[in-house]
């Protein structure tokens, strides 16, 4: 009898601000959360198809002292509650609290988790047994797209959030 491994599954990685919720620059209060139109419905479709939906988000506001890691987690819980009203859920949230040049204590550092580095995607791939080449990364910044491209994800830039500011030339350079 052969011990066959199941094939690794694909996932959809989403940036948070500007992709799932409205970009407000350093979101620090639950009252600032505004879901973008159609996002919960799209996530619920992926949920029904058993595709893991994973958020990967840079949160340098922690390093800068604008809000705590605990607040980031509370915001993620609130997002889950909001999308849950439409039958959707996020399978996991990963966030990078670091910044390479700004911040306090251990938060001020060059790390492997801050996009465009792919540390959060790689960690999720291990924890969820994902095939990154069959996965998608959806974001509104070039750093999101670069992170996905680095690990072989199909990467999509949305024009919400910061996505509308990029020229065709900038996008073709990736």
N, C-alpha and C. Protein backbone atom coordinates (compact mmCIF):
# COMPACT_ATOMS: atom_id res chain seq x y z
N UNK A 1 0.83 -1.18 0.00
CA UNK A 1 0.00 0.00 0.00
C UNK A 1 0.88 1.25 0.00
N UNK A 2 0.59 2.16 -0.89
CA UNK A 2 1.37 3.39 -1.01
C UNK A 2 0.77 4.47 -0.13
N UNK A 3 1.66 5.22 0.48
CA UNK A 3 1.22 6.33 1.31
C UNK A 3 1.19 7.59 0.44
N UNK A 4 0.04 7.86 -0.19
CA UNK A 4 -0.09 9.01 -1.09
C UNK A 4 -0.50 10.24 -0.30
N UNK A 5 0.19 11.31 -0.56
CA UNK A 5 -0.18 12.61 0.03
C UNK A 5 -1.22 13.27 -0.83
N UNK A 6 -2.14 13.92 -0.20
CA UNK A 6 -3.11 14.71 -0.94
C UNK A 6 -2.38 15.89 -1.57
N UNK A 7 -2.84 16.34 -2.74
CA UNK A 7 -2.19 17.51 -3.34
C UNK A 7 -2.39 18.74 -2.47
N UNK A 8 -1.41 19.62 -2.51
CA UNK A 8 -1.54 20.87 -1.78
C UNK A 8 -2.66 21.70 -2.39
N UNK A 9 -3.35 22.45 -1.54
CA UNK A 9 -4.48 23.23 -2.05
C UNK A 9 -4.07 24.66 -2.38
N UNK A 10 -4.82 25.29 -3.29
CA UNK A 10 -4.60 26.71 -3.55
C UNK A 10 -5.31 27.54 -2.49
N UNK A 11 -4.96 28.81 -2.42
CA UNK A 11 -5.61 29.75 -1.50
C UNK A 11 -5.76 31.09 -2.20
N UNK A 12 -6.55 31.95 -1.60
CA UNK A 12 -6.62 33.33 -2.03
C UNK A 12 -6.11 34.19 -0.88
N UNK A 13 -5.03 34.92 -1.15
CA UNK A 13 -4.47 35.86 -0.18
C UNK A 13 -5.01 37.24 -0.49
N UNK A 14 -5.44 37.94 0.54
CA UNK A 14 -5.96 39.29 0.39
C UNK A 14 -5.20 40.25 1.28
N UNK A 15 -4.85 41.40 0.73
CA UNK A 15 -4.41 42.49 1.58
C UNK A 15 -5.66 42.97 2.31
N UNK A 16 -5.51 43.71 3.38
CA UNK A 16 -6.66 44.15 4.16
C UNK A 16 -7.16 45.53 3.74
N UNK A 17 -6.37 46.56 4.04
CA UNK A 17 -6.79 47.94 3.81
C UNK A 17 -6.76 48.27 2.32
N UNK A 18 -7.88 48.74 1.80
CA UNK A 18 -7.98 49.06 0.39
C UNK A 18 -8.42 47.89 -0.47
N UNK A 19 -8.52 46.70 0.13
CA UNK A 19 -8.94 45.51 -0.61
C UNK A 19 -10.22 44.94 0.00
N UNK A 20 -10.21 44.72 1.31
CA UNK A 20 -11.40 44.23 2.02
C UNK A 20 -12.18 45.40 2.60
N UNK A 21 -11.43 46.33 3.17
CA UNK A 21 -12.05 47.50 3.80
C UNK A 21 -11.49 48.77 3.20
N UNK A 22 -12.23 49.84 3.38
CA UNK A 22 -11.82 51.14 2.87
C UNK A 22 -10.50 51.57 3.51
N UNK A 23 -9.60 52.10 2.69
CA UNK A 23 -8.31 52.62 3.17
C UNK A 23 -8.55 53.92 3.93
N UNK A 24 -8.10 53.96 5.19
CA UNK A 24 -8.24 55.19 5.99
C UNK A 24 -6.92 55.67 6.57
N UNK A 25 -5.81 55.10 6.16
CA UNK A 25 -4.49 55.46 6.69
C UNK A 25 -4.40 55.24 8.19
N UNK A 26 -3.78 54.14 8.55
CA UNK A 26 -3.56 53.76 9.95
C UNK A 26 -4.87 53.59 10.71
N UNK A 27 -5.71 52.72 10.22
CA UNK A 27 -6.96 52.37 10.88
C UNK A 27 -6.65 51.97 12.32
N UNK A 28 -7.24 52.65 13.27
CA UNK A 28 -6.93 52.37 14.67
C UNK A 28 -8.16 52.19 15.54
N UNK A 29 -9.35 52.31 14.95
CA UNK A 29 -10.59 52.15 15.72
C UNK A 29 -11.57 51.30 14.93
N UNK A 30 -12.29 50.48 15.63
CA UNK A 30 -13.29 49.63 15.00
C UNK A 30 -14.33 50.48 14.26
N UNK A 31 -14.63 51.64 14.78
CA UNK A 31 -15.63 52.51 14.15
C UNK A 31 -15.20 53.01 12.77
N UNK A 32 -13.92 52.88 12.43
CA UNK A 32 -13.42 53.31 11.12
C UNK A 32 -13.58 52.25 10.04
N UNK A 33 -13.95 51.03 10.41
CA UNK A 33 -14.03 49.94 9.44
C UNK A 33 -15.25 50.14 8.53
N UNK A 34 -14.97 50.08 7.23
CA UNK A 34 -16.04 50.12 6.24
C UNK A 34 -15.72 49.07 5.18
N UNK A 35 -16.54 48.03 5.14
CA UNK A 35 -16.34 46.98 4.14
C UNK A 35 -16.55 47.53 2.74
N UNK A 36 -15.72 47.11 1.81
CA UNK A 36 -15.92 47.49 0.42
C UNK A 36 -17.07 46.66 -0.16
N UNK A 37 -17.79 47.25 -1.07
CA UNK A 37 -18.96 46.61 -1.68
C UNK A 37 -18.56 45.31 -2.37
N UNK A 38 -19.29 44.26 -2.10
CA UNK A 38 -19.11 42.98 -2.77
C UNK A 38 -18.06 42.07 -2.18
N UNK A 39 -17.27 42.58 -1.26
CA UNK A 39 -16.16 41.79 -0.70
C UNK A 39 -16.68 40.58 0.09
N UNK A 40 -17.63 40.79 0.98
CA UNK A 40 -18.14 39.68 1.79
C UNK A 40 -18.76 38.60 0.90
N UNK A 41 -19.48 39.00 -0.12
CA UNK A 41 -20.09 38.04 -1.04
C UNK A 41 -19.01 37.23 -1.76
N UNK A 42 -17.97 37.90 -2.24
CA UNK A 42 -16.88 37.21 -2.93
C UNK A 42 -16.18 36.22 -2.00
N UNK A 43 -15.95 36.64 -0.76
CA UNK A 43 -15.30 35.75 0.21
C UNK A 43 -16.19 34.56 0.51
N UNK A 44 -17.49 34.78 0.62
CA UNK A 44 -18.40 33.67 0.93
C UNK A 44 -18.42 32.65 -0.21
N UNK A 45 -18.29 33.10 -1.44
CA UNK A 45 -18.22 32.17 -2.59
C UNK A 45 -16.97 31.30 -2.47
N UNK A 46 -15.84 31.92 -2.14
CA UNK A 46 -14.61 31.14 -1.94
C UNK A 46 -14.76 30.18 -0.77
N UNK A 47 -15.37 30.64 0.32
CA UNK A 47 -15.61 29.77 1.48
C UNK A 47 -16.42 28.53 1.09
N UNK A 48 -17.47 28.73 0.31
CA UNK A 48 -18.33 27.62 -0.11
C UNK A 48 -17.57 26.63 -0.98
N UNK A 49 -16.57 27.12 -1.71
CA UNK A 49 -15.75 26.25 -2.57
C UNK A 49 -14.57 25.65 -1.80
N UNK A 50 -14.53 25.92 -0.49
CA UNK A 50 -13.48 25.39 0.40
C UNK A 50 -12.09 25.90 0.05
N UNK A 51 -12.01 27.11 -0.53
CA UNK A 51 -10.73 27.74 -0.84
C UNK A 51 -10.33 28.57 0.38
N UNK A 52 -9.19 28.30 0.99
CA UNK A 52 -8.77 29.12 2.12
C UNK A 52 -8.62 30.59 1.72
N UNK A 53 -9.17 31.47 2.54
CA UNK A 53 -9.06 32.91 2.34
C UNK A 53 -8.20 33.45 3.48
N UNK A 54 -7.06 34.01 3.12
CA UNK A 54 -6.06 34.41 4.11
C UNK A 54 -5.68 35.87 3.90
N UNK A 55 -5.74 36.63 4.97
CA UNK A 55 -5.35 38.04 4.91
C UNK A 55 -3.89 38.17 5.30
N UNK A 56 -3.14 38.92 4.50
CA UNK A 56 -1.74 39.25 4.80
C UNK A 56 -1.61 40.76 4.72
N UNK A 57 -1.28 41.38 5.85
CA UNK A 57 -1.34 42.84 5.90
C UNK A 57 -0.17 43.43 6.68
N UNK A 58 0.44 44.46 6.11
CA UNK A 58 1.45 45.23 6.83
C UNK A 58 0.72 46.18 7.77
N UNK A 59 1.13 46.22 9.02
CA UNK A 59 0.51 47.10 10.01
C UNK A 59 1.60 47.85 10.77
N UNK A 60 2.31 48.71 10.04
CA UNK A 60 3.42 49.47 10.64
C UNK A 60 2.94 50.49 11.66
N UNK A 61 1.63 50.71 11.75
CA UNK A 61 1.10 51.58 12.80
C UNK A 61 1.43 51.05 14.19
N UNK A 62 1.63 49.74 14.30
CA UNK A 62 2.06 49.16 15.58
C UNK A 62 3.47 49.66 15.90
N UNK A 63 4.38 49.54 14.93
CA UNK A 63 5.77 50.00 15.14
C UNK A 63 5.81 51.48 15.47
N UNK A 64 4.96 52.24 14.82
CA UNK A 64 4.95 53.70 15.00
C UNK A 64 4.24 54.13 16.28
N UNK A 65 3.63 53.19 16.98
CA UNK A 65 2.95 53.51 18.24
C UNK A 65 1.55 54.08 18.07
N UNK A 66 0.97 53.95 16.88
CA UNK A 66 -0.38 54.47 16.63
C UNK A 66 -1.46 53.58 17.25
N UNK A 67 -1.18 52.27 17.31
CA UNK A 67 -2.11 51.31 17.90
C UNK A 67 -1.32 50.06 18.27
N UNK A 68 -1.95 49.20 19.05
CA UNK A 68 -1.28 47.99 19.55
C UNK A 68 -1.59 46.78 18.68
N UNK A 69 -0.81 45.73 18.89
CA UNK A 69 -1.10 44.47 18.22
C UNK A 69 -2.49 43.97 18.63
N UNK A 70 -2.84 44.19 19.88
CA UNK A 70 -4.17 43.79 20.37
C UNK A 70 -5.28 44.48 19.57
N UNK A 71 -5.08 45.76 19.24
CA UNK A 71 -6.08 46.48 18.45
C UNK A 71 -6.18 45.90 17.05
N UNK A 72 -5.07 45.50 16.47
CA UNK A 72 -5.10 44.87 15.14
C UNK A 72 -5.97 43.62 15.20
N UNK A 73 -5.78 42.82 16.23
CA UNK A 73 -6.55 41.58 16.39
C UNK A 73 -8.04 41.91 16.60
N UNK A 74 -8.34 42.93 17.39
CA UNK A 74 -9.73 43.33 17.60
C UNK A 74 -10.37 43.80 16.29
N UNK A 75 -9.61 44.50 15.47
CA UNK A 75 -10.12 44.94 14.17
C UNK A 75 -10.39 43.73 13.28
N UNK A 76 -9.52 42.75 13.31
CA UNK A 76 -9.74 41.54 12.51
C UNK A 76 -10.98 40.79 13.00
N UNK A 77 -11.16 40.74 14.30
CA UNK A 77 -12.37 40.10 14.84
C UNK A 77 -13.62 40.84 14.37
N UNK A 78 -13.56 42.16 14.36
CA UNK A 78 -14.71 42.97 13.92
C UNK A 78 -14.98 42.75 12.43
N UNK A 79 -13.94 42.65 11.62
CA UNK A 79 -14.13 42.37 10.20
C UNK A 79 -14.81 41.02 10.02
N UNK A 80 -14.33 40.02 10.76
CA UNK A 80 -14.95 38.69 10.68
C UNK A 80 -16.42 38.75 11.06
N UNK A 81 -16.74 39.52 12.08
CA UNK A 81 -18.13 39.67 12.50
C UNK A 81 -18.96 40.31 11.38
N UNK A 82 -18.41 41.34 10.75
CA UNK A 82 -19.14 42.04 9.68
C UNK A 82 -19.37 41.14 8.47
N UNK A 83 -18.33 40.45 8.02
CA UNK A 83 -18.51 39.60 6.84
C UNK A 83 -19.31 38.35 7.19
N UNK A 84 -19.28 37.97 8.47
CA UNK A 84 -20.06 36.83 8.92
C UNK A 84 -21.55 37.04 8.75
N UNK A 85 -21.99 38.29 8.79
CA UNK A 85 -23.40 38.61 8.57
C UNK A 85 -23.84 38.23 7.16
N UNK A 86 -22.86 38.09 6.25
CA UNK A 86 -23.15 37.68 4.88
C UNK A 86 -22.66 36.26 4.60
N UNK A 87 -22.44 35.49 5.67
CA UNK A 87 -22.05 34.10 5.51
C UNK A 87 -20.62 33.87 5.10
N UNK A 88 -19.74 34.83 5.37
CA UNK A 88 -18.34 34.71 4.97
C UNK A 88 -17.43 34.67 6.19
N UNK A 89 -16.22 34.18 5.98
CA UNK A 89 -15.20 34.21 7.03
C UNK A 89 -13.80 34.22 6.41
N UNK A 90 -12.88 34.79 7.15
CA UNK A 90 -11.45 34.74 6.80
C UNK A 90 -10.87 33.56 7.56
N UNK A 91 -10.12 32.70 6.87
CA UNK A 91 -9.56 31.52 7.52
C UNK A 91 -8.41 31.86 8.46
N UNK A 92 -7.64 32.89 8.11
CA UNK A 92 -6.53 33.29 8.97
C UNK A 92 -6.08 34.70 8.60
N UNK A 93 -5.63 35.41 9.61
CA UNK A 93 -5.03 36.73 9.42
C UNK A 93 -3.56 36.64 9.82
N UNK A 94 -2.70 37.19 8.99
CA UNK A 94 -1.29 37.36 9.31
C UNK A 94 -1.00 38.84 9.17
N UNK A 95 -0.27 39.40 10.13
CA UNK A 95 0.09 40.81 9.99
C UNK A 95 1.52 41.03 10.43
N UNK A 96 2.14 42.01 9.78
CA UNK A 96 3.50 42.41 10.11
C UNK A 96 3.43 43.72 10.87
N UNK A 97 3.87 43.76 12.13
CA UNK A 97 3.83 44.98 12.92
C UNK A 97 5.10 45.82 12.80
N UNK A 98 6.04 45.39 11.95
CA UNK A 98 7.37 46.02 11.88
C UNK A 98 7.44 47.14 10.86
N UNK A 99 8.51 47.92 11.01
CA UNK A 99 8.88 48.91 10.00
C UNK A 99 10.41 48.99 10.01
N UNK A 100 11.04 49.08 8.84
CA UNK A 100 12.51 49.05 8.80
C UNK A 100 13.18 50.30 9.36
N UNK A 101 12.52 51.46 9.31
CA UNK A 101 13.20 52.69 9.74
C UNK A 101 12.43 53.49 10.79
N UNK A 102 11.19 53.16 11.03
CA UNK A 102 10.36 53.88 12.00
C UNK A 102 9.97 52.93 13.12
N UNK A 103 9.76 53.47 14.30
CA UNK A 103 9.20 52.63 15.34
C UNK A 103 10.03 52.52 16.59
N UNK A 104 9.49 51.71 17.47
CA UNK A 104 10.07 51.55 18.79
C UNK A 104 10.46 50.10 19.06
N UNK A 105 11.52 49.96 19.80
CA UNK A 105 11.97 48.68 20.33
C UNK A 105 12.09 47.62 19.24
N UNK A 106 11.55 46.43 19.50
CA UNK A 106 11.72 45.32 18.57
C UNK A 106 10.90 45.47 17.29
N UNK A 107 10.02 46.45 17.24
CA UNK A 107 9.20 46.67 16.04
C UNK A 107 9.98 47.39 14.93
N UNK A 108 11.04 48.08 15.29
CA UNK A 108 11.84 48.79 14.30
C UNK A 108 12.93 47.83 13.82
N UNK A 109 12.65 47.17 12.70
CA UNK A 109 13.62 46.21 12.18
C UNK A 109 13.26 45.81 10.76
N UNK A 110 14.25 45.29 10.08
CA UNK A 110 14.04 44.69 8.77
C UNK A 110 13.66 43.24 9.03
N UNK A 111 12.53 42.84 8.49
CA UNK A 111 12.03 41.50 8.77
C UNK A 111 11.68 40.79 7.46
N UNK A 112 11.32 39.55 7.57
CA UNK A 112 10.92 38.76 6.40
C UNK A 112 9.41 38.77 6.20
N UNK A 113 8.66 39.34 7.16
CA UNK A 113 7.21 39.31 7.02
C UNK A 113 6.65 40.56 6.34
N UNK A 114 7.36 41.66 6.35
CA UNK A 114 6.82 42.89 5.75
C UNK A 114 6.84 42.80 4.23
N UNK A 115 5.65 42.91 3.65
CA UNK A 115 5.57 42.92 2.19
C UNK A 115 6.35 44.11 1.66
N UNK A 116 7.11 43.97 0.60
CA UNK A 116 7.00 42.97 -0.45
C UNK A 116 7.70 41.64 -0.18
N UNK A 117 8.34 41.47 0.96
CA UNK A 117 8.92 40.16 1.27
C UNK A 117 7.78 39.18 1.48
N UNK A 118 7.99 37.92 1.16
CA UNK A 118 6.89 36.95 1.17
C UNK A 118 6.72 36.13 2.44
N UNK A 119 7.27 36.58 3.55
CA UNK A 119 7.25 35.78 4.77
C UNK A 119 5.87 35.34 5.23
N UNK A 120 4.88 36.23 5.16
CA UNK A 120 3.54 35.86 5.61
C UNK A 120 2.93 34.80 4.70
N UNK A 121 3.16 34.91 3.40
CA UNK A 121 2.63 33.93 2.47
C UNK A 121 3.30 32.57 2.68
N UNK A 122 4.60 32.59 2.89
CA UNK A 122 5.33 31.34 3.14
C UNK A 122 4.87 30.66 4.42
N UNK A 123 4.66 31.46 5.46
CA UNK A 123 4.18 30.90 6.73
C UNK A 123 2.80 30.26 6.55
N UNK A 124 1.91 30.95 5.86
CA UNK A 124 0.58 30.41 5.60
C UNK A 124 0.67 29.12 4.77
N UNK A 125 1.57 29.11 3.79
CA UNK A 125 1.71 27.93 2.94
C UNK A 125 2.09 26.70 3.76
N UNK A 126 2.95 26.89 4.75
CA UNK A 126 3.35 25.78 5.62
C UNK A 126 2.19 25.38 6.52
N UNK A 127 1.58 26.36 7.18
CA UNK A 127 0.52 26.06 8.15
C UNK A 127 -0.74 25.49 7.51
N UNK A 128 -1.04 25.89 6.28
CA UNK A 128 -2.26 25.42 5.61
C UNK A 128 -1.98 24.40 4.50
N UNK A 129 -0.71 24.01 4.31
CA UNK A 129 -0.31 23.08 3.25
C UNK A 129 -0.84 23.55 1.89
N UNK A 130 -0.36 24.73 1.49
CA UNK A 130 -0.84 25.39 0.28
C UNK A 130 0.15 25.26 -0.87
N UNK A 131 -0.40 25.23 -2.05
CA UNK A 131 0.39 25.29 -3.28
C UNK A 131 0.37 26.76 -3.72
N UNK A 132 1.45 27.48 -3.48
CA UNK A 132 1.50 28.90 -3.80
C UNK A 132 1.40 29.16 -5.30
N UNK A 133 1.87 28.24 -6.12
CA UNK A 133 1.79 28.42 -7.58
C UNK A 133 0.35 28.36 -8.08
N UNK A 134 -0.53 27.76 -7.33
CA UNK A 134 -1.95 27.69 -7.70
C UNK A 134 -2.79 28.71 -6.93
N UNK A 135 -2.13 29.53 -6.14
CA UNK A 135 -2.82 30.50 -5.30
C UNK A 135 -2.83 31.88 -5.94
N UNK A 136 -3.64 32.76 -5.37
CA UNK A 136 -3.77 34.14 -5.84
C UNK A 136 -3.43 35.10 -4.71
N UNK A 137 -2.79 36.20 -5.06
CA UNK A 137 -2.53 37.31 -4.14
C UNK A 137 -3.25 38.51 -4.72
N UNK A 138 -4.15 39.11 -3.93
CA UNK A 138 -4.91 40.27 -4.38
C UNK A 138 -4.59 41.44 -3.46
N UNK A 139 -4.12 42.53 -4.06
CA UNK A 139 -3.75 43.69 -3.26
C UNK A 139 -3.94 44.99 -4.01
N UNK A 140 -3.72 46.08 -3.29
CA UNK A 140 -3.88 47.41 -3.89
C UNK A 140 -2.56 48.18 -3.96
N UNK A 141 -1.46 47.52 -3.62
CA UNK A 141 -0.14 48.15 -3.69
C UNK A 141 0.82 47.23 -4.43
N UNK A 142 1.83 47.84 -5.02
CA UNK A 142 2.84 47.05 -5.71
C UNK A 142 3.54 46.08 -4.76
N UNK A 143 3.68 46.47 -3.49
CA UNK A 143 4.32 45.57 -2.52
C UNK A 143 3.51 44.28 -2.34
N UNK A 144 2.18 44.38 -2.42
CA UNK A 144 1.34 43.17 -2.35
C UNK A 144 1.61 42.27 -3.54
N UNK A 145 1.63 42.89 -4.71
CA UNK A 145 1.82 42.14 -5.95
C UNK A 145 3.21 41.50 -5.98
N UNK A 146 4.22 42.25 -5.59
CA UNK A 146 5.59 41.72 -5.57
C UNK A 146 5.70 40.54 -4.62
N UNK A 147 5.04 40.63 -3.48
CA UNK A 147 5.06 39.53 -2.51
C UNK A 147 4.51 38.26 -3.13
N UNK A 148 3.39 38.37 -3.83
CA UNK A 148 2.80 37.21 -4.48
C UNK A 148 3.66 36.68 -5.61
N UNK A 149 4.16 37.57 -6.44
CA UNK A 149 4.98 37.16 -7.59
C UNK A 149 6.23 36.41 -7.11
N UNK A 150 6.83 36.87 -6.02
CA UNK A 150 8.05 36.25 -5.49
C UNK A 150 7.87 34.77 -5.20
N UNK A 151 6.69 34.38 -4.72
CA UNK A 151 6.45 32.97 -4.38
C UNK A 151 5.67 32.23 -5.45
N UNK A 152 5.42 32.88 -6.59
CA UNK A 152 4.77 32.20 -7.70
C UNK A 152 3.26 32.30 -7.74
N UNK A 153 2.66 33.11 -6.87
CA UNK A 153 1.20 33.30 -6.91
C UNK A 153 0.81 34.09 -8.15
N UNK A 154 -0.38 33.84 -8.62
CA UNK A 154 -0.98 34.72 -9.61
C UNK A 154 -1.39 35.96 -8.84
N UNK A 155 -0.96 37.12 -9.25
CA UNK A 155 -1.18 38.33 -8.46
C UNK A 155 -2.05 39.33 -9.20
N UNK A 156 -2.97 39.92 -8.46
CA UNK A 156 -3.96 40.83 -9.04
C UNK A 156 -3.94 42.14 -8.27
N UNK A 157 -3.78 43.24 -8.99
CA UNK A 157 -3.85 44.57 -8.40
C UNK A 157 -5.27 45.10 -8.59
N UNK A 158 -5.94 45.41 -7.48
CA UNK A 158 -7.26 46.03 -7.57
C UNK A 158 -7.09 47.54 -7.58
N UNK A 159 -8.03 48.23 -8.14
CA UNK A 159 -7.94 49.68 -8.28
C UNK A 159 -8.59 50.42 -7.12
N UNK A 160 -9.00 49.69 -6.08
CA UNK A 160 -9.49 50.31 -4.86
C UNK A 160 -8.28 50.70 -4.01
N UNK A 161 -8.49 51.37 -2.90
CA UNK A 161 -7.35 51.76 -2.06
C UNK A 161 -6.33 52.54 -2.86
N UNK A 162 -5.07 52.12 -2.77
CA UNK A 162 -3.99 52.79 -3.49
C UNK A 162 -3.84 52.31 -4.93
N UNK A 163 -4.59 51.27 -5.30
CA UNK A 163 -4.41 50.64 -6.60
C UNK A 163 -4.61 51.53 -7.80
N UNK A 164 -5.43 52.57 -7.67
CA UNK A 164 -5.70 53.45 -8.79
C UNK A 164 -4.57 54.41 -9.12
N UNK A 165 -3.57 54.49 -8.28
CA UNK A 165 -2.51 55.49 -8.50
C UNK A 165 -1.38 55.00 -9.41
N UNK A 166 -1.37 53.71 -9.74
CA UNK A 166 -0.25 53.18 -10.51
C UNK A 166 -0.47 53.31 -12.01
N UNK A 167 0.61 53.64 -12.71
CA UNK A 167 0.55 53.74 -14.17
C UNK A 167 0.79 52.36 -14.78
N UNK A 168 0.45 52.23 -16.04
CA UNK A 168 0.67 50.99 -16.78
C UNK A 168 2.15 50.64 -16.80
N UNK A 169 3.02 51.65 -16.90
CA UNK A 169 4.46 51.41 -16.93
C UNK A 169 4.94 50.82 -15.60
N UNK A 170 4.43 51.36 -14.49
CA UNK A 170 4.82 50.82 -13.19
C UNK A 170 4.38 49.37 -13.04
N UNK A 171 3.20 49.07 -13.51
CA UNK A 171 2.67 47.72 -13.40
C UNK A 171 3.43 46.74 -14.28
N UNK A 172 3.83 47.17 -15.45
CA UNK A 172 4.54 46.27 -16.35
C UNK A 172 5.97 45.99 -15.89
N UNK A 173 6.47 46.79 -14.94
CA UNK A 173 7.83 46.58 -14.43
C UNK A 173 7.92 45.42 -13.45
N UNK A 174 6.79 44.94 -13.01
CA UNK A 174 6.81 43.85 -12.03
C UNK A 174 7.13 42.53 -12.70
